[in-house]
Amino acid sequence: MKIIHLISVDIKYATKIFLKECSSLAKVAQYDIKLITIDNKGINI
C-alpha cells in the first residue's frame, strides 16, 4: 500500500512527524510512505 502524508508546517516539525508516524508505518505495516511538506520556502519531497 502507498501512503502520501501531506503537511504544511515548518520542516523542523516535519522531522518529528516523519520519525514518529511515517517510519513506524513503514516498519510495522511495510507501507510505501512519502512525506511532502509545504512551507514558506516551497514544496519539499
C-alpha atoms as a PDB file:
ATOM      1  CA  MET A   1       0.000   0.000   0.000  1.00  0.00           C
ATOM      2  CA  LYS A   2       1.222   3.518  -0.749  1.00  0.00           C
ATOM      3  CA  ILE A   3       0.602   6.422   1.595  1.00  0.00           C
ATOM      4  CA  ILE A   4       1.346  10.090   0.956  1.00  0.00           C
ATOM      5  CA  HIS A   5       1.406  12.287   4.042  1.00  0.00           C
ATOM      6  CA  LEU A   6       0.946  15.995   3.254  1.00  0.00           C
ATOM      7  CA  ILE A   7       1.737  18.635   5.849  1.00  0.00           C
ATOM      8  CA  SER A   8       2.018  22.404   5.807  1.00  0.00           C
ATOM      9  CA  VAL A   9       4.338  23.136   8.712  1.00  0.00           C
ATOM     10  CA  ASP A  10       7.934  24.184   9.222  1.00  0.00           C
ATOM     11  CA  ILE A  11      10.456  21.490   8.266  1.00  0.00           C
ATOM     12  CA  LYS A  12      11.600  21.074  11.897  1.00  0.00           C
ATOM     13  CA  TYR A  13       8.133  19.752  12.776  1.00  0.00           C
ATOM     14  CA  ALA A  14       8.154  17.501   9.727  1.00  0.00           C
ATOM     15  CA  THR A  15      11.096  15.612  11.216  1.00  0.00           C
ATOM     16  CA  LYS A  16       9.035  14.642  14.247  1.00  0.00           C
ATOM     17  CA  ILE A  17       6.134  13.539  12.054  1.00  0.00           C
ATOM     18  CA  PHE A  18       8.452  11.518   9.846  1.00  0.00           C
ATOM     19  CA  LEU A  19      10.146   9.776  12.760  1.00  0.00           C
ATOM     20  CA  LYS A  20       7.009   9.072  14.776  1.00  0.00           C
ATOM     21  CA  GLU A  21       4.372   8.367  12.136  1.00  0.00           C
ATOM     22  CA  CYS A  22       5.884   7.603   8.756  1.00  0.00           C
ATOM     23  CA  SER A  23       8.787   5.445   9.844  1.00  0.00           C
ATOM     24  CA  SER A  24       6.642   3.346  12.170  1.00  0.00           C
ATOM     25  CA  LEU A  25       4.064   2.725   9.423  1.00  0.00           C
ATOM     26  CA  ALA A  26       6.810   1.742   7.016  1.00  0.00           C
ATOM     27  CA  LYS A  27       8.463  -0.547   9.551  1.00  0.00           C
ATOM     28  CA  VAL A  28       5.452  -2.248  11.127  1.00  0.00           C
ATOM     29  CA  ALA A  29       2.986  -2.425   8.251  1.00  0.00           C
ATOM     30  CA  GLN A  30       5.558  -2.239   5.427  1.00  0.00           C
ATOM     31  CA  TYR A  31       3.776   0.612   3.675  1.00  0.00           C
ATOM     32  CA  ASP A  32       5.445   2.736   0.997  1.00  0.00           C
ATOM     33  CA  ILE A  33       5.403   6.165   2.687  1.00  0.00           C
ATOM     34  CA  LYS A  34       6.051   9.571   1.120  1.00  0.00           C
ATOM     35  CA  LEU A  35       6.156  12.732   3.221  1.00  0.00           C
ATOM     36  CA  ILE A  36       5.556  16.022   1.401  1.00  0.00           C
ATOM     37  CA  THR A  37       5.891  19.313   3.236  1.00  0.00           C
ATOM     38  CA  ILE A  38       4.800  22.735   2.064  1.00  0.00           C
ATOM     39  CA  ASP A  39       6.236  25.733   3.862  1.00  0.00           C
ATOM     40  CA  ASN A  40       7.068  29.326   3.033  1.00  0.00           C
ATOM     41  CA  LYS A  41      10.096  28.119   1.027  1.00  0.00           C
ATOM     42  CA  GLY A  42       8.126  25.853  -1.317  1.00  0.00           C
ATOM     43  CA  ILE A  43       7.437  22.135  -1.642  1.00  0.00           C
ATOM     44  CA  ASN A  44       9.817  19.565  -0.143  1.00  0.00           C
ATOM     45  CA  ILE A  45       9.584  15.873  -1.006  1.00  0.00           C
END
